[in-house]
Amino acid sequence: MSKVYTVGIVGGGISGSVCALELAKYGIDNILLEKGESIVNGPPFCHLHAGGNLYPDISVDQCKTLMLQSIEMLRLFPHSIDQRPTWISVPKSEKYEPEFIEDRLNSLVKYYKKLIAEDPDNEVLGNPDQYYKAYSKEEIEALAKQPGVKQPTTFDEWVSNAVKLIDYQSLKTPIFLVQEFGWNLFRTAAQAQLALEKTESCCIKTDTEVTNIIDVRNRNLDYNWAICTKGSVYNVKYLVNSCGFRTGFIDALLNQHAEHSIEYKAAYIAKWQPVEGLIPELIFHGERGTAHGMLQITPYCEDYYQIHGMTQDITLFENGVIHSKNKESAEEFDEDIKQKIDRAWPEEEINTRTKNAIAFAARYVPTFKSANVGALPMHGAQQLHGNDLSLRVGELSFPGKFYARSEIIKASSALTVARKIVANLENEKIIAQIRTKTKHNSLLEEISKNDIEERARELAIKRGYPGTLSQLVIDRT
């Protein structure tokens, strides 16, 4: 007789993987089906959005949600977090005002203090009174004259290193340094896969494409769904659709449909000259889709940098957004984008777009013009509930009995979604009530730092990137 799994998860991105981990820590048996060679290989993430300060257009409530979710994910994956701050600035050409940003930062400080009062273990972003610091023009000019520091430990040292490279005369003041940390995709993937491989409560099936799902909820069987792959059928009581931008494909199999949008984006890897000391992540706000879209420069080890430029010739693409059109089929990108997702980027376009990104970065960091193409772009498509492209907090829905659909936008939302799925399993009486719930996950905590680093490097290289991208700029002790 075929085994019946309590939960079947289709899609091993960050949402599906964290869901599998959350279930497994409570001993809830599950099967995780992933089309690719390894898990957590969806749209790239590089930034822990602990406050949403990269998004001046979202609400304060969304910022608070992102802060809470980021704190929870930092506690779950501490060895994946790069504990360096982020520089937040507004060019003089842009509509945003620093005073608005500072008002929002003050709201976040109060909220962070509230989270710490509720649970002292939430103090993972440092002292809340040092969550951010504002710098006037005079303070910036004074710090520009200070000697560089190879390994900065204070906000002033980070700003001093950065301002020597930045055309700060083109920026409104104050500028801000904020405790929004980096988040390493390869290390997260490594720790998640090692933990799931070790537990008996999860069966991981990579290189496994789902071809059909049969609804047997009304047949009075001891399972509700039959998940079909090219070689096997897996029977499950509860189905989780965490297929990212392919979520609509699973919905179509189940005759379940919802309005949604899918966006394809890319970031570019450049190799620059050595600089005098470590610099923070650099953000220069701008209006999305214009020639002055937001610029994000994320530092990695050994002089590699990842660049987002929210313009049509860098991170965004013509025909890069598709919307649900009808109730009969899942949406499809055009052939150009499908080729990038499924096969490979043309070498010429890698060079052109990376050079565009380098030139864009050099607007505010003039010497960055000497950087070169460093590696393949980081790219992927993500699904958003509805058609609001500015939304940054993910959605979880339950379109039918024993069926959950995850549509997260930021990786930090994954744990929130997983916990809601556990609660729904209890409500549907698929599992008994869990008497004691915990924020810790011993499966992840048992994985050593050395094992994470070894697997992370291996994953980076297998995916076509320099192994050094799996390292942290600020090494955790």
Protein backbone atom coordinates (compact mmCIF):
# COMPACT_ATOMS: atom_id res chain seq x y z
CA MET A 1 0.00 0.00 0.00
CA SER A 2 1.34 3.44 -0.95
CA LYS A 3 2.42 5.74 1.84
CA VAL A 4 0.08 8.63 2.57
CA TYR A 5 1.86 11.86 3.49
CA THR A 6 0.16 14.35 5.76
CA VAL A 7 1.25 17.28 3.58
CA GLY A 8 2.46 17.48 0.00
CA ILE A 9 4.36 20.65 -0.91
CA VAL A 10 4.79 21.45 -4.59
CA GLY A 11 7.67 23.88 -5.09
CA GLY A 12 10.92 23.95 -3.11
CA GLY A 13 11.65 27.66 -3.16
CA ILE A 14 12.07 29.60 0.07
CA SER A 15 8.35 29.35 0.90
CA GLY A 16 8.02 25.61 0.29
CA SER A 17 11.31 24.82 2.03
CA VAL A 18 10.50 26.85 5.16
CA CYS A 19 7.05 25.27 5.24
CA ALA A 20 8.63 21.80 5.11
CA LEU A 21 11.00 22.78 7.94
CA GLU A 22 8.18 24.15 10.09
CA LEU A 23 6.14 20.98 9.60
CA ALA A 24 9.10 18.67 10.19
CA LYS A 25 10.07 20.34 13.47
CA TYR A 26 6.67 19.27 14.85
CA GLY A 27 7.05 15.78 13.39
CA ILE A 28 4.41 16.38 10.70
CA ASP A 29 5.44 14.13 7.81
CA ASN A 30 5.58 15.87 4.46
CA ILE A 31 6.93 15.46 0.96
CA LEU A 32 8.60 18.37 -0.84
CA LEU A 33 8.61 18.20 -4.64
CA GLU A 34 11.02 20.48 -6.52
CA LYS A 35 11.56 20.65 -10.27
CA GLY A 36 15.16 21.87 -9.98
CA GLU A 37 18.35 20.22 -8.75
CA SER A 38 18.27 21.89 -5.33
CA ILE A 39 15.89 23.81 -3.10
CA VAL A 40 15.72 27.58 -2.45
CA ASN A 41 16.65 28.34 -6.04
CA GLY A 42 13.86 30.75 -6.96
CA PRO A 43 14.01 34.53 -7.45
CA PRO A 44 17.21 35.77 -5.79
CA PHE A 45 17.25 37.61 -2.48
CA CYS A 46 20.20 39.47 -1.01
CA HIS A 47 18.68 41.81 1.57
CA LEU A 48 16.91 41.28 4.88
CA HIS A 49 14.14 43.87 4.69
CA ALA A 50 14.09 44.64 8.41
CA GLY A 51 11.97 47.77 8.05
CA GLY A 52 11.21 48.05 4.34
CA ASN A 53 13.51 51.03 3.91
CA LEU A 54 14.20 50.19 0.28
CA TYR A 55 10.56 51.00 -0.49
CA PRO A 56 9.54 54.62 0.16
CA ASP A 57 6.15 54.06 -1.50
CA ILE A 58 4.83 51.32 0.78
CA SER A 59 2.79 51.92 3.94
CA VAL A 60 4.21 52.04 7.46
CA ASP A 61 2.16 48.93 8.24
CA GLN A 62 3.93 47.01 5.45
CA CYS A 63 7.27 48.26 6.81
CA LYS A 64 6.40 46.96 10.28
CA THR A 65 5.33 43.60 8.88
CA LEU A 66 8.60 43.29 6.97
CA MET A 67 10.54 44.15 10.14
CA LEU A 68 8.77 41.48 12.19
CA GLN A 69 9.13 38.85 9.48
CA SER A 70 12.80 39.71 8.96
CA ILE A 71 13.53 39.38 12.67
CA GLU A 72 11.90 35.95 12.69
CA MET A 73 13.88 34.81 9.65
CA LEU A 74 17.13 36.16 11.12
CA ARG A 75 16.49 34.07 14.22
CA LEU A 76 15.86 31.03 12.00
CA PHE A 77 18.88 31.44 9.67
CA PRO A 78 21.51 33.42 11.63
CA HIS A 79 24.44 31.96 9.66
CA SER A 80 22.99 33.41 6.44
CA ILE A 81 22.83 37.01 7.64
CA ASP A 82 25.50 39.57 6.74
CA GLN A 83 25.49 41.99 9.67
CA ARG A 84 26.44 45.14 7.83
CA PRO A 85 24.24 48.24 7.62
CA THR A 86 22.54 49.88 4.66
CA TRP A 87 23.05 53.44 3.41
CA ILE A 88 19.72 55.07 2.50
CA SER A 89 19.78 58.26 0.43
CA VAL A 90 17.69 60.39 -1.92
CA PRO A 91 19.25 62.05 -4.97
CA LYS A 92 18.41 65.74 -5.43
CA SER A 93 16.66 64.86 -8.70
CA GLU A 94 14.03 62.72 -6.95
CA LYS A 95 10.65 63.51 -5.37
CA TYR A 96 11.22 61.74 -2.06
CA GLU A 97 12.14 63.77 1.00
CA PRO A 98 14.53 62.65 3.76
CA GLU A 99 12.14 64.01 6.41
CA PHE A 100 9.51 61.48 5.33
CA ILE A 101 12.05 58.67 5.55
CA GLU A 102 13.13 59.80 9.03
CA ASP A 103 9.54 59.95 10.29
CA ARG A 104 9.05 56.38 9.16
CA LEU A 105 12.33 55.29 10.73
CA ASN A 106 11.20 56.74 14.06
CA SER A 107 7.98 54.71 13.81
CA LEU A 108 10.06 51.59 13.18
CA VAL A 109 12.26 52.27 16.22
CA LYS A 110 9.13 52.38 18.41
CA TYR A 111 7.84 49.19 16.81
CA TYR A 112 11.19 47.43 17.27
CA LYS A 113 11.14 48.37 20.97
CA LYS A 114 7.62 46.91 21.22
CA LEU A 115 8.79 43.63 19.66
CA ILE A 116 11.68 43.43 22.12
CA ALA A 117 9.33 44.10 25.05
CA GLU A 118 7.18 41.19 23.85
CA ASP A 119 10.18 38.88 23.43
CA PRO A 120 13.73 39.92 24.39
CA ASP A 121 15.11 37.41 21.85
CA ASN A 122 13.81 39.74 19.12
CA GLU A 123 16.71 42.11 19.78
CA VAL A 124 18.69 40.83 16.79
CA LEU A 125 19.12 44.12 14.92
CA GLY A 126 21.14 45.68 17.71
CA ASN A 127 20.08 48.27 20.26
CA PRO A 128 16.80 49.85 19.06
CA ASP A 129 18.14 53.33 19.85
CA GLN A 130 20.89 52.57 17.34
CA TYR A 131 18.62 51.12 14.64
CA TYR A 132 19.47 54.10 12.45
CA LYS A 133 21.50 57.28 12.42
CA ALA A 134 20.94 60.41 10.32
CA TYR A 135 23.87 62.37 8.87
CA SER A 136 23.77 66.05 7.91
CA LYS A 137 25.81 67.49 5.06
CA GLU A 138 28.33 68.90 7.54
CA GLU A 139 28.72 65.54 9.26
CA ILE A 140 29.20 63.79 5.93
CA GLU A 141 31.86 66.27 4.86
CA ALA A 142 33.70 65.82 8.15
CA LEU A 143 33.61 62.01 7.89
CA ALA A 144 34.91 62.19 4.32
CA LYS A 145 38.14 63.60 5.74
CA GLN A 146 38.61 60.82 8.28
CA PRO A 147 40.97 57.91 7.49
CA GLY A 148 39.35 54.76 6.12
CA VAL A 149 38.80 51.72 8.33
CA LYS A 150 39.35 48.25 6.88
CA GLN A 151 36.84 46.56 9.20
CA PRO A 152 34.34 49.23 10.35
CA THR A 153 32.47 48.60 13.59
CA THR A 154 30.61 51.90 14.12
CA PHE A 155 28.09 53.75 11.96
CA ASP A 156 30.54 56.63 11.57
CA GLU A 157 33.25 54.31 10.27
CA TRP A 158 30.87 52.73 7.74
CA VAL A 159 29.76 56.15 6.50
CA SER A 160 33.34 57.43 6.38
CA ASN A 161 34.35 54.53 4.12
CA ALA A 162 31.31 54.97 1.87
CA VAL A 163 31.32 58.73 1.49
CA LYS A 164 34.87 58.71 0.11
CA LEU A 165 33.48 56.87 -2.92
CA ILE A 166 30.08 58.55 -3.31
CA ASP A 167 29.20 61.82 -5.05
CA TYR A 168 27.37 63.01 -1.94
CA GLN A 169 26.92 66.53 -3.37
CA SER A 170 24.20 65.05 -5.61
CA LEU A 171 22.21 63.80 -2.62
CA LYS A 172 19.64 65.39 -0.34
CA THR A 173 20.49 65.40 3.33
CA PRO A 174 20.25 63.95 5.80
CA ILE A 175 21.29 60.52 4.58
CA PHE A 176 20.71 57.52 6.84
CA LEU A 177 22.52 54.41 7.92
CA VAL A 178 20.09 51.68 8.96
CA GLN A 179 20.45 48.23 10.48
CA GLU A 180 19.00 46.44 7.47
CA PHE A 181 21.36 43.52 6.97
CA GLY A 182 22.33 41.39 3.99
CA TRP A 183 20.86 37.91 3.50
CA ASN A 184 22.82 35.22 1.65
CA LEU A 185 20.71 33.04 -0.63
CA PHE A 186 23.27 30.24 -0.99
CA ARG A 187 23.77 29.85 2.76
CA THR A 188 20.02 29.77 3.37
CA ALA A 189 19.59 27.11 0.68
CA ALA A 190 22.44 25.09 2.14
CA GLN A 191 21.17 25.12 5.71
CA ALA A 192 17.59 24.34 4.66
CA GLN A 193 18.60 21.43 2.43
CA LEU A 194 20.99 19.96 5.01
CA ALA A 195 18.30 20.12 7.70
CA LEU A 196 15.61 18.56 5.51
CA GLU A 197 17.94 15.81 4.30
CA LYS A 198 18.64 14.91 7.93
CA THR A 199 15.08 14.71 9.25
CA GLU A 200 12.85 11.67 8.84
CA SER A 201 9.77 13.90 8.78
CA CYS A 202 10.41 15.26 5.27
CA CYS A 203 10.99 13.44 2.00
CA ILE A 204 12.73 15.74 -0.50
CA LYS A 205 12.27 14.97 -4.19
CA THR A 206 14.42 17.24 -6.37
CA ASP A 207 14.57 16.95 -10.17
CA THR A 208 10.88 16.07 -9.88
CA GLU A 209 8.30 17.80 -12.05
CA VAL A 210 4.63 17.60 -11.16
CA THR A 211 2.54 16.78 -14.24
CA ASN A 212 -0.92 16.46 -12.71
CA ILE A 213 -2.80 16.57 -9.42
CA ILE A 214 -5.94 14.50 -8.97
CA ASP A 215 -8.58 15.71 -6.53
CA VAL A 216 -9.98 12.74 -4.58
CA ARG A 217 -11.50 14.70 -1.70
CA ASN A 218 -14.97 13.29 -2.34
CA ARG A 219 -13.97 9.62 -2.72
CA ASN A 220 -13.82 8.78 0.99
CA LEU A 221 -10.17 7.73 0.86
CA ASP A 222 -7.53 8.24 3.52
CA TYR A 223 -5.95 10.96 1.37
CA ASN A 224 -7.31 13.95 -0.58
CA TRP A 225 -4.84 14.54 -3.41
CA ALA A 226 -2.78 12.37 -5.74
CA ILE A 227 0.29 14.26 -6.97
CA CYS A 228 1.50 12.82 -10.26
CA THR A 229 5.06 13.10 -11.56
CA LYS A 230 6.67 11.51 -14.61
CA GLY A 231 7.50 8.35 -12.69
CA SER A 232 5.43 8.24 -9.51
CA VAL A 233 2.23 9.19 -7.72
CA TYR A 234 2.31 10.61 -4.18
CA ASN A 235 -0.83 10.55 -2.05
CA VAL A 236 -1.29 13.40 0.44
CA LYS A 237 -3.95 14.62 2.82
CA TYR A 238 -3.17 18.32 2.42
CA LEU A 239 -1.72 20.19 -0.55
CA VAL A 240 0.50 23.28 -0.48
CA ASN A 241 1.07 25.15 -3.74
CA SER A 242 4.33 27.08 -3.37
CA CYS A 243 5.39 27.08 -7.01
CA GLY A 244 6.25 30.75 -7.22
CA PHE A 245 5.47 32.13 -10.66
CA ARG A 246 4.22 28.66 -11.70
CA THR A 247 1.53 28.74 -9.01
CA GLY A 248 -1.05 29.35 -11.74
CA PHE A 249 -0.11 26.06 -13.41
CA ILE A 250 -1.09 24.10 -10.29
CA ASP A 251 -4.24 26.21 -9.92
CA ALA A 252 -5.20 25.36 -13.49
CA LEU A 253 -4.84 21.63 -12.77
CA LEU A 254 -7.24 22.04 -9.85
CA ASN A 255 -9.63 24.39 -11.65
CA GLN A 256 -8.81 27.05 -9.06
CA HIS A 257 -8.10 30.55 -10.32
CA ALA A 258 -7.19 33.88 -8.79
CA GLU A 259 -6.19 37.27 -10.10
CA HIS A 260 -2.44 37.67 -9.94
CA SER A 261 0.57 39.20 -11.64
CA ILE A 262 3.99 37.74 -12.41
CA GLU A 263 7.11 39.87 -12.72
CA TYR A 264 10.51 38.89 -14.08
CA LYS A 265 13.53 40.84 -12.80
CA ALA A 266 17.30 40.53 -12.73
CA ALA A 267 20.27 41.83 -10.76
CA TYR A 268 23.83 41.90 -12.06
CA ILE A 269 27.17 40.80 -10.66
CA ALA A 270 30.13 43.13 -11.16
CA LYS A 271 33.77 42.75 -10.11
CA TRP A 272 35.34 45.99 -8.93
CA GLN A 273 38.73 47.14 -7.73
CA PRO A 274 39.64 46.66 -4.05
CA VAL A 275 38.49 49.57 -1.88
CA GLU A 276 40.12 50.88 1.29
CA GLY A 277 37.59 49.42 3.71
CA LEU A 278 34.25 47.61 3.78
CA ILE A 279 31.26 49.67 2.68
CA PRO A 280 27.57 49.31 3.54
CA GLU A 281 24.91 48.30 1.08
CA LEU A 282 24.11 51.46 -0.89
CA ILE A 283 20.59 52.63 -1.75
CA PHE A 284 19.82 55.68 -3.90
CA HIS A 285 16.06 56.09 -4.11
CA GLY A 286 14.33 56.77 -7.41
CA GLU A 287 11.04 56.24 -9.20
CA ARG A 288 10.62 52.71 -10.51
CA GLY A 289 10.60 52.32 -14.30
CA THR A 290 12.07 55.76 -15.02
CA ALA A 291 15.62 56.58 -16.09
CA HIS A 292 16.24 57.48 -12.43
CA GLY A 293 14.93 54.28 -10.85
CA MET A 294 16.23 53.10 -7.50
CA LEU A 295 19.87 51.95 -7.43
CA GLN A 296 20.97 49.22 -5.03
CA ILE A 297 24.61 48.14 -4.71
CA THR A 298 25.12 45.08 -2.52
CA PRO A 299 28.70 44.23 -1.49
CA TYR A 300 29.96 40.64 -1.46
CA CYS A 301 33.40 39.23 -0.65
CA GLU A 302 36.48 39.59 -2.87
CA ASP A 303 35.27 42.79 -4.57
CA TYR A 304 32.07 41.36 -6.06
CA TYR A 305 28.96 43.57 -6.07
CA GLN A 306 25.36 42.90 -6.99
CA ILE A 307 23.50 45.74 -8.70
CA HIS A 308 19.78 46.43 -9.02
CA GLY A 309 18.76 49.36 -11.19
CA MET A 310 14.99 49.77 -11.39
CA THR A 311 15.02 50.86 -15.03
CA GLN A 312 13.85 49.07 -18.16
CA ASP A 313 17.38 48.42 -19.43
CA ILE A 314 18.74 46.97 -16.19
CA THR A 315 16.56 45.13 -13.63
CA LEU A 316 13.17 45.55 -15.34
CA PHE A 317 12.18 44.19 -18.75
CA GLU A 318 9.84 45.08 -21.56
CA ASN A 319 7.06 42.49 -21.31
CA GLY A 320 8.47 41.58 -17.90
CA VAL A 321 5.05 41.73 -16.20
CA ILE A 322 2.11 39.51 -17.09
CA HIS A 323 -1.34 39.43 -15.51
CA SER A 324 -3.88 36.65 -15.19
CA LYS A 325 -5.94 36.95 -18.38
CA ASN A 326 -8.58 34.27 -18.16
CA LYS A 327 -9.74 31.32 -16.13
CA GLU A 328 -8.66 28.65 -18.55
CA SER A 329 -4.87 28.56 -18.41
CA ALA A 330 -1.76 29.76 -16.64
CA GLU A 331 -0.05 32.83 -18.08
CA GLU A 332 3.13 32.60 -20.14
CA PHE A 333 6.01 35.00 -20.66
CA ASP A 334 7.22 35.69 -24.18
CA GLU A 335 9.94 33.46 -25.65
CA ASP A 336 12.78 35.84 -24.75
CA ILE A 337 12.04 35.73 -21.02
CA LYS A 338 11.12 32.03 -21.06
CA GLN A 339 14.55 31.31 -22.53
CA LYS A 340 16.22 33.23 -19.69
CA ILE A 341 14.21 31.36 -17.06
CA ASP A 342 14.42 27.86 -18.52
CA ARG A 343 17.75 27.75 -20.32
CA ALA A 344 20.32 30.51 -20.45
CA TRP A 345 20.93 34.17 -21.04
CA PRO A 346 22.58 35.21 -24.31
CA GLU A 347 26.18 36.24 -23.58
CA GLU A 348 25.70 39.53 -25.40
CA GLU A 349 22.76 40.50 -23.19
CA ILE A 350 24.65 39.56 -20.01
CA ASN A 351 27.41 41.95 -21.05
CA THR A 352 25.09 44.74 -22.21
CA ARG A 353 22.84 44.77 -19.15
CA THR A 354 25.70 44.35 -16.66
CA LYS A 355 27.55 47.25 -18.30
CA ASN A 356 24.34 49.29 -18.13
CA ALA A 357 24.17 48.50 -14.42
CA ILE A 358 27.81 49.49 -13.89
CA ALA A 359 27.27 52.81 -15.70
CA PHE A 360 24.12 53.43 -13.64
CA ALA A 361 26.02 52.78 -10.40
CA ALA A 362 28.78 55.16 -11.51
CA ARG A 363 26.29 58.06 -11.46
CA TYR A 364 26.60 58.08 -7.68
CA VAL A 365 29.82 56.09 -7.19
CA PRO A 366 32.00 57.57 -9.97
CA THR A 367 34.96 55.19 -9.71
CA PHE A 368 32.61 52.21 -10.11
CA LYS A 369 32.87 52.82 -13.86
CA SER A 370 36.04 50.69 -13.79
CA ALA A 371 34.09 47.58 -12.71
CA ASN A 372 33.69 44.63 -15.06
CA VAL A 373 31.16 41.87 -15.65
CA GLY A 374 31.61 39.47 -12.74
CA ALA A 375 29.23 36.56 -13.25
CA LEU A 376 25.84 35.47 -14.53
CA PRO A 377 22.91 37.71 -13.57
CA MET A 378 20.82 36.75 -10.55
CA HIS A 379 17.31 36.51 -11.96
CA GLY A 380 13.86 35.06 -11.55
CA ALA A 381 10.12 35.61 -11.71
CA GLN A 382 7.79 36.10 -8.77
CA GLN A 383 4.04 35.99 -8.44
CA LEU A 384 2.07 38.74 -6.72
CA HIS A 385 -1.49 38.42 -5.50
CA GLY A 386 -3.69 40.83 -7.50
CA ASN A 387 -2.10 43.44 -9.75
CA ASP A 388 -0.43 45.88 -7.32
CA LEU A 389 3.27 45.73 -8.20
CA SER A 390 4.16 47.93 -5.21
CA LEU A 391 2.92 45.30 -2.74
CA ARG A 392 5.79 43.88 -0.67
CA VAL A 393 4.02 41.68 1.89
CA GLY A 394 3.12 38.18 0.77
CA GLU A 395 -0.24 36.49 0.64
CA LEU A 396 -1.49 33.08 1.74
CA SER A 397 -4.90 31.87 0.68
CA PHE A 398 -6.97 28.74 1.13
CA PRO A 399 -8.93 28.43 -2.16
CA GLY A 400 -10.47 25.11 -1.15
CA LYS A 401 -10.59 22.57 1.63
CA PHE A 402 -7.19 20.99 2.35
CA TYR A 403 -5.47 23.32 -0.14
CA ALA A 404 -3.15 26.27 0.56
CA ARG A 405 -1.67 28.66 -1.99
CA SER A 406 1.45 30.64 -1.05
CA GLU A 407 2.25 33.84 -2.96
CA ILE A 408 5.10 35.45 -1.07
CA ILE A 409 6.87 38.51 -2.47
CA LYS A 410 9.74 38.86 -0.03
CA ALA A 411 11.60 35.78 1.23
CA SER A 412 11.15 37.03 4.79
CA SER A 413 7.40 36.25 4.56
CA ALA A 414 8.02 32.50 4.29
CA LEU A 415 7.86 31.69 8.01
CA THR A 416 4.65 33.67 8.51
CA VAL A 417 3.04 31.65 5.71
CA ALA A 418 4.34 28.35 7.13
CA ARG A 419 2.88 29.07 10.56
CA LYS A 420 -0.52 29.88 9.06
CA ILE A 421 -0.46 26.57 7.19
CA VAL A 422 0.23 24.71 10.45
CA ALA A 423 -2.72 26.53 12.04
CA ASN A 424 -4.96 25.57 9.13
CA LEU A 425 -3.91 21.93 9.44
CA GLU A 426 -5.07 22.09 13.06
CA ASN A 427 -8.34 23.80 12.15
CA GLU A 428 -9.07 21.22 9.45
CA LYS A 429 -8.25 18.46 11.97
CA ILE A 430 -5.61 17.01 9.65
CA ILE A 431 -3.34 17.08 12.71
CA ALA A 432 -4.03 17.30 16.44
CA GLN A 433 -3.63 20.63 18.19
CA ILE A 434 0.03 21.35 18.92
CA ARG A 435 0.17 22.12 22.63
CA THR A 436 3.49 23.94 22.73
CA LYS A 437 4.62 26.00 19.76
CA THR A 438 8.10 27.42 19.56
CA LYS A 439 9.91 29.99 17.46
CA HIS A 440 13.05 27.85 17.42
CA ASN A 441 13.76 25.09 14.93
CA SER A 442 16.16 22.46 16.27
CA LEU A 443 16.51 20.92 12.80
CA LEU A 444 18.23 24.09 11.59
CA GLU A 445 20.12 24.70 14.83
CA GLU A 446 21.79 21.28 14.56
CA ILE A 447 23.49 22.18 11.27
CA SER A 448 27.06 23.38 11.82
CA LYS A 449 28.48 26.57 10.37
CA ASN A 450 31.20 24.59 8.58
CA ASP A 451 28.66 22.30 6.91
CA ILE A 452 26.63 25.33 5.82
CA GLU A 453 29.68 27.00 4.30
CA GLU A 454 30.78 23.88 2.45
CA ARG A 455 27.34 23.18 0.97
CA ALA A 456 26.70 26.87 0.19
CA ARG A 457 29.91 27.14 -1.83
CA GLU A 458 29.03 23.94 -3.66
CA LEU A 459 25.55 25.28 -4.51
CA ALA A 460 26.90 28.61 -5.75
CA ILE A 461 29.36 26.90 -8.09
CA LYS A 462 26.76 24.39 -9.34
CA ARG A 463 24.43 27.28 -10.16
CA GLY A 464 27.16 28.99 -12.20
CA TYR A 465 28.36 31.63 -9.73
CA PRO A 466 31.71 32.25 -8.03
CA GLY A 467 31.95 30.28 -4.80
CA THR A 468 32.91 33.47 -2.97
CA LEU A 469 29.33 34.74 -3.32
CA SER A 470 28.40 32.20 -0.64
CA GLN A 471 30.64 33.90 1.94
CA LEU A 472 29.64 36.61 4.41
CA VAL A 473 31.27 40.04 4.31
CA ILE A 474 31.01 40.17 8.11
CA ASP A 475 31.95 36.72 9.39
CA ARG A 476 29.80 35.55 12.31
CA THR A 477 31.69 34.24 15.32
